[in-house]
Amino acid sequence: MIMKLQDVSIQSDTDRLILLLRHLGMKQYELAEELGYARAYVEAVINGRSPFTDSFKKRIEEYLESRQIRSEENYEELLNLSLRSINSNT
């Protein structure tokens, strides 16, 4: 019996994908474009009309990894710009 919010667990990859879209602030079609899939396929997976394949899951994971790398690179670039700005002012 579920008594607390923390007792709720996510059981399916589809539910994880829906939460991921919300977390990223993305629409289904945007994710489809980023992954290189047809928007109809992504919609069908989310609605349970197409299977959530291992290759689709792998592509999502690759996309998330690339986002992480880009975020780290952007952070480093901003940090370096800030340091250069500080150094040029001293």
N, C-alpha and C. Protein backbone atom coordinates (compact mmCIF):
# COMPACT_ATOMS: atom_id res chain seq x y z
N MET A 1 0.85 -1.18 0.00
CA MET A 1 0.00 0.00 0.00
C MET A 1 0.89 1.24 0.00
N ILE A 2 0.54 2.20 -0.82
CA ILE A 2 1.29 3.45 -0.91
C ILE A 2 0.76 4.41 0.14
N MET A 3 1.68 4.84 1.01
CA MET A 3 1.30 5.76 2.08
C MET A 3 1.96 7.14 1.93
N LYS A 4 3.08 7.17 1.18
CA LYS A 4 3.82 8.41 1.01
C LYS A 4 4.22 8.56 -0.45
N LEU A 5 4.49 9.77 -0.85
CA LEU A 5 4.91 10.02 -2.22
C LEU A 5 6.17 9.24 -2.56
N GLN A 6 7.09 9.15 -1.62
CA GLN A 6 8.34 8.43 -1.86
C GLN A 6 8.12 6.93 -2.07
N ASP A 7 6.95 6.42 -1.73
CA ASP A 7 6.64 5.01 -1.95
C ASP A 7 6.27 4.70 -3.39
N VAL A 8 6.03 5.74 -4.17
CA VAL A 8 5.66 5.56 -5.58
C VAL A 8 6.93 5.29 -6.38
N SER A 9 6.92 4.19 -7.12
CA SER A 9 8.08 3.89 -7.96
C SER A 9 7.66 3.90 -9.43
N ILE A 10 8.61 4.22 -10.26
CA ILE A 10 8.35 4.25 -11.69
C ILE A 10 8.64 2.86 -12.24
N GLN A 11 7.66 2.27 -12.86
CA GLN A 11 7.77 0.89 -13.29
C GLN A 11 8.19 0.71 -14.75
N SER A 12 7.91 1.69 -15.58
CA SER A 12 8.15 1.46 -17.01
C SER A 12 9.06 2.52 -17.62
N ASP A 13 9.73 2.13 -18.69
CA ASP A 13 10.56 3.08 -19.42
C ASP A 13 9.72 4.19 -20.02
N THR A 14 8.49 3.88 -20.39
CA THR A 14 7.60 4.89 -20.95
C THR A 14 7.32 5.98 -19.92
N ASP A 15 7.04 5.57 -18.69
CA ASP A 15 6.81 6.56 -17.63
C ASP A 15 8.06 7.39 -17.38
N ARG A 16 9.22 6.75 -17.43
CA ARG A 16 10.48 7.48 -17.27
C ARG A 16 10.65 8.51 -18.40
N LEU A 17 10.30 8.11 -19.61
CA LEU A 17 10.42 9.02 -20.75
C LEU A 17 9.50 10.22 -20.60
N ILE A 18 8.29 10.00 -20.14
CA ILE A 18 7.34 11.09 -19.93
C ILE A 18 7.89 12.06 -18.88
N LEU A 19 8.43 11.53 -17.79
CA LEU A 19 9.02 12.38 -16.76
C LEU A 19 10.25 13.11 -17.28
N LEU A 20 11.04 12.43 -18.11
CA LEU A 20 12.22 13.06 -18.69
C LEU A 20 11.82 14.25 -19.56
N LEU A 21 10.81 14.07 -20.38
CA LEU A 21 10.34 15.17 -21.23
C LEU A 21 9.93 16.37 -20.38
N ARG A 22 9.22 16.10 -19.30
CA ARG A 22 8.81 17.20 -18.41
C ARG A 22 10.02 17.87 -17.78
N HIS A 23 10.96 17.05 -17.33
CA HIS A 23 12.17 17.58 -16.69
C HIS A 23 12.97 18.46 -17.66
N LEU A 24 13.07 18.02 -18.90
CA LEU A 24 13.83 18.77 -19.90
C LEU A 24 13.03 19.93 -20.49
N GLY A 25 11.73 19.96 -20.22
CA GLY A 25 10.88 21.00 -20.79
C GLY A 25 10.73 20.85 -22.29
N MET A 26 10.72 19.60 -22.75
CA MET A 26 10.65 19.33 -24.19
C MET A 26 9.30 18.76 -24.58
N LYS A 27 8.94 19.02 -25.80
CA LYS A 27 7.76 18.40 -26.41
C LYS A 27 8.20 17.11 -27.09
N GLN A 28 7.25 16.23 -27.36
CA GLN A 28 7.56 14.96 -28.02
C GLN A 28 8.26 15.18 -29.35
N TYR A 29 7.77 16.13 -30.13
CA TYR A 29 8.37 16.36 -31.45
C TYR A 29 9.80 16.88 -31.34
N GLU A 30 10.08 17.66 -30.29
CA GLU A 30 11.44 18.16 -30.10
C GLU A 30 12.40 17.01 -29.78
N LEU A 31 11.96 16.11 -28.93
CA LEU A 31 12.79 14.95 -28.62
C LEU A 31 13.00 14.10 -29.87
N ALA A 32 11.95 13.91 -30.64
CA ALA A 32 12.06 13.13 -31.88
C ALA A 32 13.11 13.74 -32.80
N GLU A 33 13.09 15.05 -32.95
CA GLU A 33 14.07 15.72 -33.80
C GLU A 33 15.49 15.53 -33.26
N GLU A 34 15.65 15.68 -31.96
CA GLU A 34 16.97 15.52 -31.34
C GLU A 34 17.51 14.10 -31.50
N LEU A 35 16.62 13.13 -31.43
CA LEU A 35 17.03 11.73 -31.52
C LEU A 35 17.13 11.22 -32.95
N GLY A 36 16.55 11.96 -33.89
CA GLY A 36 16.56 11.51 -35.28
C GLY A 36 15.48 10.48 -35.57
N TYR A 37 14.40 10.52 -34.79
CA TYR A 37 13.27 9.62 -35.00
C TYR A 37 12.09 10.42 -35.52
N ALA A 38 11.18 9.74 -36.17
CA ALA A 38 9.94 10.39 -36.61
C ALA A 38 9.12 10.74 -35.38
N ARG A 39 8.48 11.90 -35.44
CA ARG A 39 7.66 12.30 -34.29
C ARG A 39 6.53 11.30 -34.05
N ALA A 40 6.02 10.68 -35.12
CA ALA A 40 4.95 9.69 -34.97
C ALA A 40 5.43 8.48 -34.18
N TYR A 41 6.69 8.10 -34.36
CA TYR A 41 7.22 6.95 -33.62
C TYR A 41 7.32 7.28 -32.13
N VAL A 42 7.86 8.44 -31.80
CA VAL A 42 8.00 8.82 -30.38
C VAL A 42 6.62 8.89 -29.73
N GLU A 43 5.67 9.48 -30.43
CA GLU A 43 4.30 9.54 -29.91
C GLU A 43 3.73 8.14 -29.71
N ALA A 44 3.97 7.25 -30.67
CA ALA A 44 3.45 5.88 -30.57
C ALA A 44 4.08 5.13 -29.40
N VAL A 45 5.36 5.35 -29.15
CA VAL A 45 6.02 4.71 -28.00
C VAL A 45 5.40 5.21 -26.71
N ILE A 46 5.23 6.51 -26.60
CA ILE A 46 4.67 7.09 -25.38
C ILE A 46 3.24 6.64 -25.15
N ASN A 47 2.49 6.47 -26.22
CA ASN A 47 1.09 6.04 -26.10
C ASN A 47 0.92 4.53 -26.10
N GLY A 48 2.03 3.79 -26.13
CA GLY A 48 1.97 2.34 -26.02
C GLY A 48 1.61 1.62 -27.30
N ARG A 49 1.62 2.31 -28.43
CA ARG A 49 1.28 1.66 -29.70
C ARG A 49 2.50 1.05 -30.38
N SER A 50 3.69 1.47 -29.97
CA SER A 50 4.94 0.90 -30.49
C SER A 50 5.80 0.49 -29.31
N PRO A 51 6.62 -0.54 -29.51
CA PRO A 51 7.45 -1.01 -28.40
C PRO A 51 8.58 -0.03 -28.07
N PHE A 52 8.97 -0.03 -26.82
CA PHE A 52 10.11 0.77 -26.36
C PHE A 52 11.34 -0.11 -26.57
N THR A 53 11.98 0.03 -27.72
CA THR A 53 13.06 -0.87 -28.09
C THR A 53 14.37 -0.51 -27.39
N ASP A 54 15.27 -1.48 -27.35
CA ASP A 54 16.59 -1.25 -26.77
C ASP A 54 17.35 -0.17 -27.55
N SER A 55 17.20 -0.15 -28.87
CA SER A 55 17.91 0.85 -29.67
C SER A 55 17.37 2.26 -29.39
N PHE A 56 16.07 2.38 -29.17
CA PHE A 56 15.48 3.67 -28.83
C PHE A 56 15.99 4.13 -27.46
N LYS A 57 16.01 3.22 -26.52
CA LYS A 57 16.52 3.54 -25.18
C LYS A 57 17.99 3.96 -25.25
N LYS A 58 18.78 3.25 -26.05
CA LYS A 58 20.20 3.58 -26.19
C LYS A 58 20.36 4.98 -26.78
N ARG A 59 19.55 5.31 -27.77
CA ARG A 59 19.64 6.63 -28.40
C ARG A 59 19.29 7.74 -27.40
N ILE A 60 18.31 7.50 -26.55
CA ILE A 60 17.97 8.48 -25.51
C ILE A 60 19.15 8.67 -24.57
N GLU A 61 19.77 7.57 -24.17
CA GLU A 61 20.91 7.65 -23.26
C GLU A 61 22.08 8.39 -23.91
N GLU A 62 22.32 8.14 -25.20
CA GLU A 62 23.39 8.86 -25.91
C GLU A 62 23.08 10.36 -25.97
N TYR A 63 21.83 10.68 -26.21
CA TYR A 63 21.42 12.09 -26.26
C TYR A 63 21.65 12.76 -24.91
N LEU A 64 21.25 12.09 -23.83
CA LEU A 64 21.43 12.66 -22.50
C LEU A 64 22.90 12.85 -22.17
N GLU A 65 23.71 11.88 -22.58
CA GLU A 65 25.15 11.98 -22.35
C GLU A 65 25.73 13.18 -23.11
N SER A 66 25.30 13.37 -24.35
CA SER A 66 25.80 14.51 -25.13
C SER A 66 25.36 15.83 -24.53
N ARG A 67 24.16 15.88 -23.97
CA ARG A 67 23.70 17.10 -23.28
C ARG A 67 24.58 17.39 -22.08
N GLN A 68 24.96 16.35 -21.35
CA GLN A 68 25.80 16.52 -20.17
C GLN A 68 27.17 17.05 -20.57
N ILE A 69 27.74 16.48 -21.62
CA ILE A 69 29.05 16.92 -22.09
C ILE A 69 28.98 18.38 -22.54
N ARG A 70 27.94 18.74 -23.29
CA ARG A 70 27.79 20.12 -23.74
C ARG A 70 27.63 21.06 -22.55
N SER A 71 26.89 20.64 -21.53
CA SER A 71 26.71 21.48 -20.35
C SER A 71 28.03 21.71 -19.64
N GLU A 72 28.83 20.65 -19.52
CA GLU A 72 30.14 20.77 -18.88
C GLU A 72 31.06 21.68 -19.68
N GLU A 73 31.03 21.55 -21.01
CA GLU A 73 31.86 22.40 -21.86
C GLU A 73 31.43 23.86 -21.75
N ASN A 74 30.12 24.10 -21.74
CA ASN A 74 29.62 25.47 -21.60
C ASN A 74 30.02 26.06 -20.25
N TYR A 75 29.96 25.24 -19.20
CA TYR A 75 30.35 25.71 -17.87
C TYR A 75 31.82 26.09 -17.86
N GLU A 76 32.66 25.23 -18.43
CA GLU A 76 34.10 25.52 -18.47
C GLU A 76 34.38 26.79 -19.27
N GLU A 77 33.69 26.95 -20.38
CA GLU A 77 33.89 28.13 -21.21
C GLU A 77 33.49 29.40 -20.46
N LEU A 78 32.36 29.37 -19.77
CA LEU A 78 31.92 30.53 -18.99
C LEU A 78 32.89 30.82 -17.85
N LEU A 79 33.38 29.77 -17.22
CA LEU A 79 34.34 29.94 -16.14
C LEU A 79 35.62 30.58 -16.66
N ASN A 80 36.12 30.11 -17.79
CA ASN A 80 37.33 30.67 -18.38
C ASN A 80 37.14 32.14 -18.77
N LEU A 81 35.98 32.45 -19.35
CA LEU A 81 35.69 33.85 -19.70
C LEU A 81 35.66 34.73 -18.46
N SER A 82 35.06 34.22 -17.40
CA SER A 82 35.01 34.99 -16.15
C SER A 82 36.39 35.21 -15.59
N LEU A 83 37.21 34.16 -15.61
CA LEU A 83 38.57 34.28 -15.09
C LEU A 83 39.39 35.27 -15.91
N ARG A 84 39.24 35.22 -17.23
CA ARG A 84 39.95 36.17 -18.10
C ARG A 84 39.50 37.60 -17.82
N SER A 85 38.22 37.77 -17.60
CA SER A 85 37.69 39.10 -17.31
C SER A 85 38.24 39.62 -15.98
N ILE A 86 38.29 38.76 -15.00
CA ILE A 86 38.83 39.14 -13.69
C ILE A 86 40.31 39.49 -13.82
N ASN A 87 41.05 38.66 -14.53
CA ASN A 87 42.49 38.88 -14.70
C ASN A 87 42.79 40.15 -15.48
N SER A 88 41.95 40.49 -16.44
CA SER A 88 42.21 41.69 -17.24
C SER A 88 41.88 42.96 -16.46
N ASN A 89 41.06 42.83 -15.44
CA ASN A 89 40.69 43.98 -14.61
C ASN A 89 41.67 44.23 -13.47
N THR A 90 42.59 43.30 -13.25
CA THR A 90 43.54 43.48 -12.14
C THR A 90 44.88 43.94 -12.64
